[in-house]
């Protein structure tokens, strides 16, 4: 059993991780697109739990992937977004236009940081 494990791990050393980066960047872009659309469609006077949870899940997915691949700047920014969204979905805060603006600006900033990482630069 140990031999087959070692053989498998030796083969894994040649495995190209760049394909996983590409999948992450594509999924993060899709999550950002979805989050932005959901924010733009949000009715602030009657935001429901399903909408707020959906927006939260987008931010959470981006944060998790960014942390996995070591993009700490993106993970930190989306963590801050998550914190605001969590307070909204727990009804601790009432959504106002300025919150939506900040979340949209944060999504734009996340997109820019991700583009830099995808191009091989620092955040």
PDB file of N, CA and C in Angstrom:
ATOM      1  N   UNK A   1       0.821  -1.190   0.000  1.00  0.00           N
ATOM      2  CA  UNK A   1       0.000   0.000   0.000  1.00  0.00           C
ATOM      3  C   UNK A   1       0.864   1.252   0.000  1.00  0.00           C
ATOM      4  N   UNK A   2       1.900   1.266   0.821  1.00  0.00           N
ATOM      5  CA  UNK A   2       2.756   2.440   0.892  1.00  0.00           C
ATOM      6  C   UNK A   2       3.457   2.690  -0.439  1.00  0.00           C
ATOM      7  N   UNK A   3       3.826   1.614  -1.152  1.00  0.00           N
ATOM      8  CA  UNK A   3       4.515   1.788  -2.427  1.00  0.00           C
ATOM      9  C   UNK A   3       3.618   2.477  -3.452  1.00  0.00           C
ATOM     10  N   UNK A   4       2.363   2.042  -3.517  1.00  0.00           N
ATOM     11  CA  UNK A   4       1.480   2.660  -4.504  1.00  0.00           C
ATOM     12  C   UNK A   4       1.220   4.125  -4.162  1.00  0.00           C
ATOM     13  N   UNK A   5       1.186   4.423  -2.863  1.00  0.00           N
ATOM     14  CA  UNK A   5       1.003   5.818  -2.462  1.00  0.00           C
ATOM     15  C   UNK A   5       2.187   6.658  -2.925  1.00  0.00           C
ATOM     16  N   UNK A   6       3.397   6.129  -2.724  1.00  0.00           N
ATOM     17  CA  UNK A   6       4.595   6.863  -3.130  1.00  0.00           C
ATOM     18  C   UNK A   6       4.634   7.041  -4.640  1.00  0.00           C
ATOM     19  N   UNK A   7       4.261   5.983  -5.363  1.00  0.00           N
ATOM     20  CA  UNK A   7       4.241   6.111  -6.812  1.00  0.00           C
ATOM     21  C   UNK A   7       3.250   7.183  -7.238  1.00  0.00           C
ATOM     22  N   UNK A   8       2.086   7.183  -6.603  1.00  0.00           N
ATOM     23  CA  UNK A   8       1.073   8.178  -6.935  1.00  0.00           C
ATOM     24  C   UNK A   8       1.538   9.585  -6.622  1.00  0.00           C
ATOM     25  N   UNK A   9       2.232   9.750  -5.492  1.00  0.00           N
ATOM     26  CA  UNK A   9       2.685  11.094  -5.137  1.00  0.00           C
ATOM     27  C   UNK A   9       3.821  11.538  -6.046  1.00  0.00           C
ATOM     28  N   UNK A  10       4.617  10.589  -6.534  1.00  0.00           N
ATOM     29  CA  UNK A  10       5.681  10.937  -7.473  1.00  0.00           C
ATOM     30  C   UNK A  10       5.108  11.433  -8.782  1.00  0.00           C
ATOM     31  N   UNK A  11       4.044  10.786  -9.245  1.00  0.00           N
ATOM     32  CA  UNK A  11       3.392  11.216 -10.480  1.00  0.00           C
ATOM     33  C   UNK A  11       2.745  12.581 -10.284  1.00  0.00           C
ATOM     34  N   UNK A  12       2.259  12.832  -9.066  1.00  0.00           N
ATOM     35  CA  UNK A  12       1.614  14.103  -8.781  1.00  0.00           C
ATOM     36  C   UNK A  12       2.574  15.278  -8.850  1.00  0.00           C
ATOM     37  N   UNK A  13       3.867  15.014  -8.664  1.00  0.00           N
ATOM     38  CA  UNK A  13       4.850  16.100  -8.706  1.00  0.00           C
ATOM     39  C   UNK A  13       4.914  16.722 -10.100  1.00  0.00           C
ATOM     40  N   UNK A  14       4.558  15.959 -11.124  1.00  0.00           N
ATOM     41  CA  UNK A  14       4.575  16.466 -12.487  1.00  0.00           C
ATOM     42  C   UNK A  14       3.236  17.088 -12.896  1.00  0.00           C
ATOM     43  N   UNK A  15       2.286  17.051 -11.993  1.00  0.00           N
ATOM     44  CA  UNK A  15       0.941  17.526 -12.294  1.00  0.00           C
ATOM     45  C   UNK A  15       0.938  19.042 -12.422  1.00  0.00           C
ATOM     46  N   UNK A  16       0.298  19.547 -13.454  1.00  0.00           N
ATOM     47  CA  UNK A  16       0.266  20.978 -13.725  1.00  0.00           C
ATOM     48  C   UNK A  16      -0.895  21.622 -12.976  1.00  0.00           C
ATOM     49  N   UNK A  17      -0.582  22.424 -11.958  1.00  0.00           N
ATOM     50  CA  UNK A  17      -1.611  23.080 -11.156  1.00  0.00           C
ATOM     51  C   UNK A  17      -2.220  24.294 -11.855  1.00  0.00           C
ATOM     52  N   UNK A  18      -1.623  24.747 -12.942  1.00  0.00           N
ATOM     53  CA  UNK A  18      -2.123  25.955 -13.601  1.00  0.00           C
ATOM     54  C   UNK A  18      -3.556  25.788 -14.091  1.00  0.00           C
ATOM     55  N   UNK A  19      -3.958  24.561 -14.420  1.00  0.00           N
ATOM     56  CA  UNK A  19      -5.339  24.355 -14.861  1.00  0.00           C
ATOM     57  C   UNK A  19      -6.324  24.680 -13.737  1.00  0.00           C
ATOM     58  N   UNK A  20      -5.932  24.433 -12.498  1.00  0.00           N
ATOM     59  CA  UNK A  20      -6.810  24.758 -11.384  1.00  0.00           C
ATOM     60  C   UNK A  20      -6.900  26.267 -11.180  1.00  0.00           C
ATOM     61  N   UNK A  21      -5.798  26.969 -11.403  1.00  0.00           N
ATOM     62  CA  UNK A  21      -5.838  28.426 -11.330  1.00  0.00           C
ATOM     63  C   UNK A  21      -6.837  28.966 -12.347  1.00  0.00           C
ATOM     64  N   UNK A  22      -6.777  28.447 -13.554  1.00  0.00           N
ATOM     65  CA  UNK A  22      -7.672  28.941 -14.607  1.00  0.00           C
ATOM     66  C   UNK A  22      -9.131  28.696 -14.240  1.00  0.00           C
ATOM     67  N   UNK A  23      -9.427  27.522 -13.707  1.00  0.00           N
ATOM     68  CA  UNK A  23     -10.795  27.227 -13.272  1.00  0.00           C
ATOM     69  C   UNK A  23     -11.212  28.195 -12.174  1.00  0.00           C
ATOM     70  N   UNK A  24     -10.320  28.450 -11.213  1.00  0.00           N
ATOM     71  CA  UNK A  24     -10.633  29.398 -10.147  1.00  0.00           C
ATOM     72  C   UNK A  24     -10.936  30.776 -10.720  1.00  0.00           C
ATOM     73  N   UNK A  25     -10.085  31.265 -11.623  1.00  0.00           N
ATOM     74  CA  UNK A  25     -10.298  32.608 -12.181  1.00  0.00           C
ATOM     75  C   UNK A  25     -11.618  32.681 -12.950  1.00  0.00           C
ATOM     76  N   UNK A  26     -11.950  31.636 -13.684  1.00  0.00           N
ATOM     77  CA  UNK A  26     -13.221  31.622 -14.415  1.00  0.00           C
ATOM     78  C   UNK A  26     -14.405  31.623 -13.455  1.00  0.00           C
ATOM     79  N   UNK A  27     -14.335  30.765 -12.437  1.00  0.00           N
ATOM     80  CA  UNK A  27     -15.435  30.695 -11.475  1.00  0.00           C
ATOM     81  C   UNK A  27     -15.559  31.985 -10.672  1.00  0.00           C
ATOM     82  N   UNK A  28     -14.431  32.573 -10.306  1.00  0.00           N
ATOM     83  CA  UNK A  28     -14.467  33.835  -9.559  1.00  0.00           C
ATOM     84  C   UNK A  28     -15.114  34.929 -10.412  1.00  0.00           C
ATOM     85  N   UNK A  29     -14.766  34.965 -11.698  1.00  0.00           N
ATOM     86  CA  UNK A  29     -15.383  35.939 -12.598  1.00  0.00           C
ATOM     87  C   UNK A  29     -16.879  35.745 -12.717  1.00  0.00           C
ATOM     88  N   UNK A  30     -17.297  34.486 -12.807  1.00  0.00           N
ATOM     89  CA  UNK A  30     -18.732  34.188 -12.874  1.00  0.00           C
ATOM     90  C   UNK A  30     -19.430  34.587 -11.576  1.00  0.00           C
ATOM     91  N   UNK A  31     -18.794  34.317 -10.442  1.00  0.00           N
ATOM     92  CA  UNK A  31     -19.377  34.700  -9.158  1.00  0.00           C
ATOM     93  C   UNK A  31     -19.473  36.219  -9.022  1.00  0.00           C
ATOM     94  N   UNK A  32     -18.462  36.916  -9.487  1.00  0.00           N
ATOM     95  CA  UNK A  32     -18.512  38.385  -9.443  1.00  0.00           C
ATOM     96  C   UNK A  32     -19.619  38.914 -10.335  1.00  0.00           C
ATOM     97  N   UNK A  33     -19.745  38.353 -11.536  1.00  0.00           N
ATOM     98  CA  UNK A  33     -20.825  38.767 -12.441  1.00  0.00           C
ATOM     99  C   UNK A  33     -22.188  38.547 -11.792  1.00  0.00           C
ATOM    100  N   UNK A  34     -22.361  37.367 -11.208  1.00  0.00           N
ATOM    101  CA  UNK A  34     -23.635  37.031 -10.578  1.00  0.00           C
ATOM    102  C   UNK A  34     -23.914  37.942  -9.385  1.00  0.00           C
ATOM    103  N   UNK A  35     -22.875  38.179  -8.561  1.00  0.00           N
ATOM    104  CA  UNK A  35     -23.038  39.037  -7.394  1.00  0.00           C
ATOM    105  C   UNK A  35     -23.421  40.454  -7.810  1.00  0.00           C
ATOM    106  N   UNK A  36     -22.749  40.979  -8.813  1.00  0.00           N
ATOM    107  CA  UNK A  36     -23.055  42.334  -9.277  1.00  0.00           C
ATOM    108  C   UNK A  36     -24.483  42.427  -9.791  1.00  0.00           C
ATOM    109  N   UNK A  37     -24.916  41.447 -10.563  1.00  0.00           N
ATOM    110  CA  UNK A  37     -26.279  41.469 -11.089  1.00  0.00           C
ATOM    111  C   UNK A  37     -27.302  41.386  -9.955  1.00  0.00           C
ATOM    112  N   UNK A  38     -27.030  40.534  -8.996  1.00  0.00           N
ATOM    113  CA  UNK A  38     -27.947  40.398  -7.862  1.00  0.00           C
ATOM    114  C   UNK A  38     -28.001  41.685  -7.042  1.00  0.00           C
ATOM    115  N   UNK A  39     -26.874  42.351  -6.887  1.00  0.00           N
ATOM    116  CA  UNK A  39     -26.852  43.625  -6.158  1.00  0.00           C
ATOM    117  C   UNK A  39     -27.645  44.690  -6.912  1.00  0.00           C
ATOM    118  N   UNK A  40     -27.470  44.722  -8.238  1.00  0.00           N
ATOM    119  CA  UNK A  40     -28.189  45.713  -9.038  1.00  0.00           C
ATOM    120  C   UNK A  40     -29.693  45.464  -9.036  1.00  0.00           C
ATOM    121  N   UNK A  41     -30.089  44.198  -8.942  1.00  0.00           N
ATOM    122  CA  UNK A  41     -31.507  43.834  -8.940  1.00  0.00           C
ATOM    123  C   UNK A  41     -32.145  43.905  -7.550  1.00  0.00           C
ATOM    124  N   UNK A  42     -31.341  44.103  -6.525  1.00  0.00           N
ATOM    125  CA  UNK A  42     -31.823  44.063  -5.149  1.00  0.00           C
ATOM    126  C   UNK A  42     -32.798  45.201  -4.867  1.00  0.00           C
ATOM    127  N   UNK A  43     -33.958  44.850  -4.367  1.00  0.00           N
ATOM    128  CA  UNK A  43     -34.944  45.846  -3.938  1.00  0.00           C
ATOM    129  C   UNK A  43     -34.658  46.142  -2.469  1.00  0.00           C
ATOM    130  N   UNK A  44     -34.078  47.304  -2.208  1.00  0.00           N
ATOM    131  CA  UNK A  44     -33.630  47.619  -0.856  1.00  0.00           C
ATOM    132  C   UNK A  44     -34.773  47.689   0.151  1.00  0.00           C
ATOM    133  N   UNK A  45     -35.954  48.038  -0.304  1.00  0.00           N
ATOM    134  CA  UNK A  45     -37.074  48.163   0.630  1.00  0.00           C
ATOM    135  C   UNK A  45     -37.648  46.805   1.031  1.00  0.00           C
ATOM    136  N   UNK A  46     -37.354  45.779   0.238  1.00  0.00           N
ATOM    137  CA  UNK A  46     -37.893  44.453   0.576  1.00  0.00           C
ATOM    138  C   UNK A  46     -36.910  43.342   0.221  1.00  0.00           C
ATOM    139  N   UNK A  47     -35.632  43.545   0.533  1.00  0.00           N
ATOM    140  CA  UNK A  47     -34.613  42.522   0.253  1.00  0.00           C
ATOM    141  C   UNK A  47     -34.950  41.268   1.045  1.00  0.00           C
ATOM    142  N   UNK A  48     -35.042  40.145   0.341  1.00  0.00           N
ATOM    143  CA  UNK A  48     -35.402  38.914   1.055  1.00  0.00           C
ATOM    144  C   UNK A  48     -34.150  38.083   1.354  1.00  0.00           C
ATOM    145  N   UNK A  49     -34.345  37.128   2.243  1.00  0.00           N
ATOM    146  CA  UNK A  49     -33.228  36.299   2.700  1.00  0.00           C
ATOM    147  C   UNK A  49     -32.575  35.528   1.566  1.00  0.00           C
ATOM    148  N   UNK A  50     -33.375  35.046   0.632  1.00  0.00           N
ATOM    149  CA  UNK A  50     -32.833  34.264  -0.479  1.00  0.00           C
ATOM    150  C   UNK A  50     -31.866  35.108  -1.319  1.00  0.00           C
ATOM    151  N   UNK A  51     -32.242  36.340  -1.605  1.00  0.00           N
ATOM    152  CA  UNK A  51     -31.374  37.234  -2.382  1.00  0.00           C
ATOM    153  C   UNK A  51     -30.084  37.526  -1.625  1.00  0.00           C
ATOM    154  N   UNK A  52     -30.222  37.880  -0.355  1.00  0.00           N
ATOM    155  CA  UNK A  52     -29.042  38.215   0.450  1.00  0.00           C
ATOM    156  C   UNK A  52     -28.140  37.010   0.641  1.00  0.00           C
ATOM    157  N   UNK A  53     -28.730  35.834   0.836  1.00  0.00           N
ATOM    158  CA  UNK A  53     -27.921  34.622   0.958  1.00  0.00           C
ATOM    159  C   UNK A  53     -27.190  34.309  -0.345  1.00  0.00           C
ATOM    160  N   UNK A  54     -27.828  34.531  -1.478  1.00  0.00           N
ATOM    161  CA  UNK A  54     -27.188  34.302  -2.770  1.00  0.00           C
ATOM    162  C   UNK A  54     -25.984  35.202  -2.983  1.00  0.00           C
ATOM    163  N   UNK A  55     -26.126  36.467  -2.624  1.00  0.00           N
ATOM    164  CA  UNK A  55     -25.008  37.411  -2.755  1.00  0.00           C
ATOM    165  C   UNK A  55     -23.883  36.997  -1.813  1.00  0.00           C
ATOM    166  N   UNK A  56     -24.242  36.632  -0.590  1.00  0.00           N
ATOM    167  CA  UNK A  56     -23.256  36.179   0.392  1.00  0.00           C
ATOM    168  C   UNK A  56     -22.493  34.960  -0.138  1.00  0.00           C
ATOM    169  N   UNK A  57     -23.206  33.991  -0.715  1.00  0.00           N
ATOM    170  CA  UNK A  57     -22.560  32.770  -1.224  1.00  0.00           C
ATOM    171  C   UNK A  57     -21.545  33.087  -2.319  1.00  0.00           C
ATOM    172  N   UNK A  58     -21.850  34.053  -3.156  1.00  0.00           N
ATOM    173  CA  UNK A  58     -20.888  34.441  -4.206  1.00  0.00           C
ATOM    174  C   UNK A  58     -19.595  34.942  -3.576  1.00  0.00           C
ATOM    175  N   UNK A  59     -19.723  35.855  -2.609  1.00  0.00           N
ATOM    176  CA  UNK A  59     -18.535  36.392  -1.935  1.00  0.00           C
ATOM    177  C   UNK A  59     -17.787  35.277  -1.207  1.00  0.00           C
ATOM    178  N   UNK A  60     -18.531  34.392  -0.564  1.00  0.00           N
ATOM    179  CA  UNK A  60     -17.924  33.296   0.193  1.00  0.00           C
ATOM    180  C   UNK A  60     -17.139  32.359  -0.729  1.00  0.00           C
ATOM    181  N   UNK A  61     -17.678  32.056  -1.887  1.00  0.00           N
ATOM    182  CA  UNK A  61     -16.987  31.185  -2.844  1.00  0.00           C
ATOM    183  C   UNK A  61     -15.685  31.811  -3.327  1.00  0.00           C
ATOM    184  N   UNK A  62     -15.738  33.097  -3.627  1.00  0.00           N
ATOM    185  CA  UNK A  62     -14.529  33.796  -4.089  1.00  0.00           C
ATOM    186  C   UNK A  62     -13.484  33.803  -2.986  1.00  0.00           C
ATOM    187  N   UNK A  63     -13.925  34.111  -1.764  1.00  0.00           N
ATOM    188  CA  UNK A  63     -12.994  34.157  -0.632  1.00  0.00           C
ATOM    189  C   UNK A  63     -12.319  32.809  -0.431  1.00  0.00           C
ATOM    190  N   UNK A  64     -13.084  31.740  -0.448  1.00  0.00           N
ATOM    191  CA  UNK A  64     -12.518  30.410  -0.229  1.00  0.00           C
ATOM    192  C   UNK A  64     -11.499  30.028  -1.282  1.00  0.00           C
ATOM    193  N   UNK A  65     -11.828  30.282  -2.538  1.00  0.00           N
ATOM    194  CA  UNK A  65     -10.890  29.973  -3.615  1.00  0.00           C
ATOM    195  C   UNK A  65      -9.634  30.823  -3.540  1.00  0.00           C
ATOM    196  N   UNK A  66      -9.806  32.105  -3.254  1.00  0.00           N
ATOM    197  CA  UNK A  66      -8.650  33.010  -3.162  1.00  0.00           C
ATOM    198  C   UNK A  66      -7.722  32.573  -2.034  1.00  0.00           C
ATOM    199  N   UNK A  67      -8.303  32.188  -0.902  1.00  0.00           N
ATOM    200  CA  UNK A  67      -7.484  31.730   0.224  1.00  0.00           C
ATOM    201  C   UNK A  67      -6.757  30.440  -0.138  1.00  0.00           C
ATOM    202  N   UNK A  68      -7.428  29.546  -0.835  1.00  0.00           N
ATOM    203  CA  UNK A  68      -6.824  28.271  -1.236  1.00  0.00           C
ATOM    204  C   UNK A  68      -5.600  28.487  -2.108  1.00  0.00           C
ATOM    205  N   UNK A  69      -5.679  29.443  -3.022  1.00  0.00           N
ATOM    206  CA  UNK A  69      -4.574  29.673  -3.958  1.00  0.00           C
ATOM    207  C   UNK A  69      -3.592  30.724  -3.466  1.00  0.00           C
ATOM    208  N   UNK A  70      -3.785  31.232  -2.250  1.00  0.00           N
ATOM    209  CA  UNK A  70      -2.821  32.149  -1.660  1.00  0.00           C
ATOM    210  C   UNK A  70      -2.980  33.598  -2.078  1.00  0.00           C
ATOM    211  N   UNK A  71      -4.138  33.971  -2.590  1.00  0.00           N
ATOM    212  CA  UNK A  71      -4.386  35.365  -2.971  1.00  0.00           C
ATOM    213  C   UNK A  71      -5.006  36.080  -1.772  1.00  0.00           C
ATOM    214  N   UNK A  72      -4.155  36.383  -0.787  1.00  0.00           N
ATOM    215  CA  UNK A  72      -4.645  36.889   0.492  1.00  0.00           C
ATOM    216  C   UNK A  72      -5.323  38.250   0.370  1.00  0.00           C
ATOM    217  N   UNK A  73      -4.907  39.062  -0.593  1.00  0.00           N
ATOM    218  CA  UNK A  73      -5.546  40.368  -0.760  1.00  0.00           C
ATOM    219  C   UNK A  73      -7.013  40.208  -1.186  1.00  0.00           C
ATOM    220  N   UNK A  74      -7.269  39.290  -2.108  1.00  0.00           N
ATOM    221  CA  UNK A  74      -8.636  39.027  -2.563  1.00  0.00           C
ATOM    222  C   UNK A  74      -9.431  38.381  -1.427  1.00  0.00           C
ATOM    223  N   UNK A  75      -8.810  37.452  -0.718  1.00  0.00           N
ATOM    224  CA  UNK A  75      -9.495  36.783   0.388  1.00  0.00           C
ATOM    225  C   UNK A  75      -9.886  37.796   1.464  1.00  0.00           C
ATOM    226  N   UNK A  76      -9.012  38.725   1.775  1.00  0.00           N
ATOM    227  CA  UNK A  76      -9.312  39.727   2.807  1.00  0.00           C
ATOM    228  C   UNK A  76     -10.427  40.659   2.355  1.00  0.00           C
ATOM    229  N   UNK A  77     -10.372  41.111   1.118  1.00  0.00           N
ATOM    230  CA  UNK A  77     -11.410  42.009   0.611  1.00  0.00           C
ATOM    231  C   UNK A  77     -12.771  41.309   0.595  1.00  0.00           C
ATOM    232  N   UNK A  78     -12.817  40.099   0.108  1.00  0.00           N
ATOM    233  CA  UNK A  78     -14.099  39.394   0.061  1.00  0.00           C
ATOM    234  C   UNK A  78     -14.561  39.005   1.468  1.00  0.00           C
ATOM    235  N   UNK A  79     -13.636  38.830   2.390  1.00  0.00           N
ATOM    236  CA  UNK A  79     -14.017  38.594   3.784  1.00  0.00           C
ATOM    237  C   UNK A  79     -14.741  39.823   4.342  1.00  0.00           C
ATOM    238  N   UNK A  80     -14.244  41.005   4.017  1.00  0.00           N
ATOM    239  CA  UNK A  80     -14.904  42.238   4.465  1.00  0.00           C
ATOM    240  C   UNK A  80     -16.297  42.357   3.845  1.00  0.00           C
ATOM    241  N   UNK A  81     -16.407  41.995   2.573  1.00  0.00           N
ATOM    242  CA  UNK A  81     -17.710  42.005   1.907  1.00  0.00           C
ATOM    243  C   UNK A  81     -18.652  41.027   2.609  1.00  0.00           C
ATOM    244  N   UNK A  82     -18.143  39.853   2.904  1.00  0.00           N
ATOM    245  CA  UNK A  82     -18.918  38.823   3.598  1.00  0.00           C
ATOM    246  C   UNK A  82     -19.436  39.324   4.938  1.00  0.00           C
ATOM    247  N   UNK A  83     -18.597  40.048   5.658  1.00  0.00           N
ATOM    248  CA  UNK A  83     -18.994  40.551   6.977  1.00  0.00           C
ATOM    249  C   UNK A  83     -20.197  41.475   6.870  1.00  0.00           C
ATOM    250  N   UNK A  84     -20.186  42.383   5.901  1.00  0.00           N
ATOM    251  CA  UNK A  84     -21.327  43.273   5.698  1.00  0.00           C
ATOM    252  C   UNK A  84     -22.547  42.481   5.256  1.00  0.00           C
ATOM    253  N   UNK A  85     -22.362  41.581   4.306  1.00  0.00           N
ATOM    254  CA  UNK A  85     -23.477  40.775   3.812  1.00  0.00           C
ATOM    255  C   UNK A  85     -24.068  39.883   4.905  1.00  0.00           C
ATOM    256  N   UNK A  86     -23.227  39.379   5.786  1.00  0.00           N
ATOM    257  CA  UNK A  86     -23.712  38.547   6.876  1.00  0.00           C
ATOM    258  C   UNK A  86     -24.595  39.368   7.819  1.00  0.00           C
ATOM    259  N   UNK A  87     -24.191  40.589   8.100  1.00  0.00           N
ATOM    260  CA  UNK A  87     -25.007  41.455   8.968  1.00  0.00           C
ATOM    261  C   UNK A  87     -26.335  41.797   8.297  1.00  0.00           C
ATOM    262  N   UNK A  88     -26.307  41.948   6.980  1.00  0.00           N
ATOM    263  CA  UNK A  88     -27.553  42.226   6.253  1.00  0.00           C
ATOM    264  C   UNK A  88     -28.481  41.017   6.286  1.00  0.00           C
ATOM    265  N   UNK A  89     -27.932  39.848   6.035  1.00  0.00           N
ATOM    266  CA  UNK A  89     -28.798  38.664   5.977  1.00  0.00           C
ATOM    267  C   UNK A  89     -29.282  38.233   7.351  1.00  0.00           C
ATOM    268  N   UNK A  90     -28.605  38.658   8.421  1.00  0.00           N
ATOM    269  CA  UNK A  90     -29.085  38.377   9.778  1.00  0.00           C
ATOM    270  C   UNK A  90     -29.994  39.505  10.280  1.00  0.00           C
ATOM    271  N   UNK A  91     -30.269  40.459   9.409  1.00  0.00           N
ATOM    272  CA  UNK A  91     -31.164  41.584   9.694  1.00  0.00           C
ATOM    273  C   UNK A  91     -30.645  42.480  10.813  1.00  0.00           C
ATOM    274  N   UNK A  92     -29.336  42.545  10.962  1.00  0.00           N
ATOM    275  CA  UNK A  92     -28.732  43.473  11.923  1.00  0.00           C
ATOM    276  C   UNK A  92     -28.655  44.869  11.321  1.00  0.00           C
ATOM    277  N   UNK A  93     -28.612  44.931   9.997  1.00  0.00           N
ATOM    278  CA  UNK A  93     -28.581  46.197   9.261  1.00  0.00           C
ATOM    279  C   UNK A  93     -29.655  46.172   8.192  1.00  0.00           C
ATOM    280  N   UNK A  94     -30.159  47.342   7.876  1.00  0.00           N
ATOM    281  CA  UNK A  94     -31.097  47.494   6.762  1.00  0.00           C
ATOM    282  C   UNK A  94     -30.272  47.934   5.544  1.00  0.00           C
ATOM    283  N   UNK A  95     -30.408  47.262   4.400  1.00  0.00           N
ATOM    284  CA  UNK A  95     -29.611  47.662   3.234  1.00  0.00           C
ATOM    285  C   UNK A  95     -29.985  49.066   2.761  1.00  0.00           C
ATOM    286  N   UNK A  96     -28.957  49.829   2.435  1.00  0.00           N
ATOM    287  CA  UNK A  96     -29.144  51.181   1.899  1.00  0.00           C
ATOM    288  C   UNK A  96     -28.302  51.305   0.635  1.00  0.00           C
ATOM    289  N   UNK A  97     -28.606  52.280  -0.218  1.00  0.00           N
ATOM    290  CA  UNK A  97     -27.870  52.411  -1.488  1.00  0.00           C
ATOM    291  C   UNK A  97     -26.352  52.492  -1.324  1.00  0.00           C
ATOM    292  N   UNK A  98     -25.874  53.148  -0.277  1.00  0.00           N
ATOM    293  CA  UNK A  98     -24.426  53.278  -0.079  1.00  0.00           C
ATOM    294  C   UNK A  98     -23.773  51.919   0.160  1.00  0.00           C
ATOM    295  N   UNK A  99     -24.490  51.008   0.814  1.00  0.00           N
ATOM    296  CA  UNK A  99     -23.939  49.666   1.034  1.00  0.00           C
ATOM    297  C   UNK A  99     -23.813  48.925  -0.288  1.00  0.00           C
ATOM    298  N   UNK A 100     -24.828  49.043  -1.119  1.00  0.00           N
ATOM    299  CA  UNK A 100     -24.774  48.407  -2.437  1.00  0.00           C
ATOM    300  C   UNK A 100     -23.623  48.995  -3.242  1.00  0.00           C
ATOM    301  N   UNK A 101     -23.449  50.322  -3.175  1.00  0.00           N
ATOM    302  CA  UNK A 101     -22.347  50.977  -3.891  1.00  0.00           C
ATOM    303  C   UNK A 101     -20.995  50.439  -3.425  1.00  0.00           C
ATOM    304  N   UNK A 102     -20.822  50.321  -2.114  1.00  0.00           N
ATOM    305  CA  UNK A 102     -19.558  49.813  -1.572  1.00  0.00           C
ATOM    306  C   UNK A 102     -19.321  48.371  -2.007  1.00  0.00           C
ATOM    307  N   UNK A 103     -20.378  47.560  -1.988  1.00  0.00           N
ATOM    308  CA  UNK A 103     -20.232  46.168  -2.411  1.00  0.00           C
ATOM    309  C   UNK A 103     -19.896  46.072  -3.898  1.00  0.00           C
ATOM    310  N   UNK A 104     -20.516  46.923  -4.723  1.00  0.00           N
ATOM    311  CA  UNK A 104     -20.199  46.930  -6.156  1.00  0.00           C
ATOM    312  C   UNK A 104     -18.764  47.402  -6.398  1.00  0.00           C
ATOM    313  N   UNK A 105     -18.333  48.426  -5.673  1.00  0.00           N
ATOM    314  CA  UNK A 105     -16.949  48.907  -5.801  1.00  0.00           C
ATOM    315  C   UNK A 105     -15.964  47.834  -5.337  1.00  0.00           C
ATOM    316  N   UNK A 106     -16.327  47.118  -4.290  1.00  0.00           N
ATOM    317  CA  UNK A 106     -15.474  46.035  -3.793  1.00  0.00           C
ATOM    318  C   UNK A 106     -15.382  44.901  -4.812  1.00  0.00           C
ATOM    319  N   UNK A 107     -16.492  44.619  -5.478  1.00  0.00           N
ATOM    320  CA  UNK A 107     -16.475  43.596  -6.528  1.00  0.00           C
ATOM    321  C   UNK A 107     -15.557  44.023  -7.665  1.00  0.00           C
ATOM    322  N   UNK A 108     -15.609  45.316  -8.033  1.00  0.00           N
ATOM    323  CA  UNK A 108     -14.703  45.827  -9.073  1.00  0.00           C
ATOM    324  C   UNK A 108     -13.249  45.704  -8.641  1.00  0.00           C
ATOM    325  N   UNK A 109     -12.974  46.043  -7.386  1.00  0.00           N
ATOM    326  CA  UNK A 109     -11.604  45.948  -6.867  1.00  0.00           C
ATOM    327  C   UNK A 109     -11.149  44.486  -6.860  1.00  0.00           C
ATOM    328  N   UNK A 110     -12.043  43.578  -6.475  1.00  0.00           N
ATOM    329  CA  UNK A 110     -11.700  42.152  -6.486  1.00  0.00           C
ATOM    330  C   UNK A 110     -11.372  41.694  -7.899  1.00  0.00           C
ATOM    331  N   UNK A 111     -12.164  42.147  -8.852  1.00  0.00           N
ATOM    332  CA  UNK A 111     -11.936  41.786 -10.254  1.00  0.00           C
ATOM    333  C   UNK A 111     -10.550  42.272 -10.715  1.00  0.00           C
ATOM    334  N   UNK A 112     -10.183  43.484 -10.321  1.00  0.00           N
ATOM    335  CA  UNK A 112      -8.871  44.035 -10.690  1.00  0.00           C
ATOM    336  C   UNK A 112      -7.737  43.245 -10.051  1.00  0.00           C
ATOM    337  N   UNK A 113      -7.891  42.925  -8.775  1.00  0.00           N
ATOM    338  CA  UNK A 113      -6.864  42.134  -8.095  1.00  0.00           C
ATOM    339  C   UNK A 113      -6.719  40.759  -8.736  1.00  0.00           C
ATOM    340  N   UNK A 114      -7.843  40.132  -9.048  1.00  0.00           N
ATOM    341  CA  UNK A 114      -7.798  38.817  -9.686  1.00  0.00           C
ATOM    342  C   UNK A 114      -7.124  38.887 -11.058  1.00  0.00           C
ATOM    343  N   UNK A 115      -7.399  39.942 -11.802  1.00  0.00           N
ATOM    344  CA  UNK A 115      -6.770  40.106 -13.119  1.00  0.00           C
ATOM    345  C   UNK A 115      -5.256  40.229 -12.980  1.00  0.00           C
ATOM    346  N   UNK A 116      -4.793  40.952 -11.971  1.00  0.00           N
ATOM    347  CA  UNK A 116      -3.350  41.067 -11.739  1.00  0.00           C
ATOM    348  C   UNK A 116      -2.748  39.714 -11.387  1.00  0.00           C
ATOM    349  N   UNK A 117      -3.428  38.984 -10.513  1.00  0.00           N
ATOM    350  CA  UNK A 117      -2.922  37.658 -10.152  1.00  0.00           C
ATOM    351  C   UNK A 117      -2.907  36.736 -11.358  1.00  0.00           C
ATOM    352  N   UNK A 118      -3.943  36.812 -12.174  1.00  0.00           N
ATOM    353  CA  UNK A 118      -4.020  35.937 -13.351  1.00  0.00           C
ATOM    354  C   UNK A 118      -2.897  36.262 -14.325  1.00  0.00           C
ATOM    355  N   UNK A 119      -2.512  37.537 -14.390  1.00  0.00           N
ATOM    356  CA  UNK A 119      -1.418  37.953 -15.286  1.00  0.00           C
ATOM    357  C   UNK A 119      -0.054  37.679 -14.673  1.00  0.00           C
ATOM    358  N   UNK A 120      -0.038  37.170 -13.432  1.00  0.00           N
ATOM    359  CA  UNK A 120       1.228  36.820 -12.801  1.00  0.00           C
ATOM    360  C   UNK A 120       1.823  37.891 -11.931  1.00  0.00           C
ATOM    361  N   UNK A 121       1.122  39.005 -11.768  1.00  0.00           N
ATOM    362  CA  UNK A 121       1.621  40.098 -10.934  1.00  0.00           C
ATOM    363  C   UNK A 121       1.139  39.986  -9.515  1.00  0.00           C
ATOM    364  N   UNK A 122       1.634  40.866  -8.699  1.00  0.00           N
ATOM    365  CA  UNK A 122       1.212  40.920  -7.302  1.00  0.00           C
ATOM    366  C   UNK A 122      -0.069  41.743  -7.211  1.00  0.00           C
ATOM    367  N   UNK A 123      -0.830  41.507  -6.155  1.00  0.00           N
ATOM    368  CA  UNK A 123      -2.091  42.223  -5.951  1.00  0.00           C
ATOM    369  C   UNK A 123      -1.901  43.667  -5.614  1.00  0.00           C
TER     370      UNK A 123
END
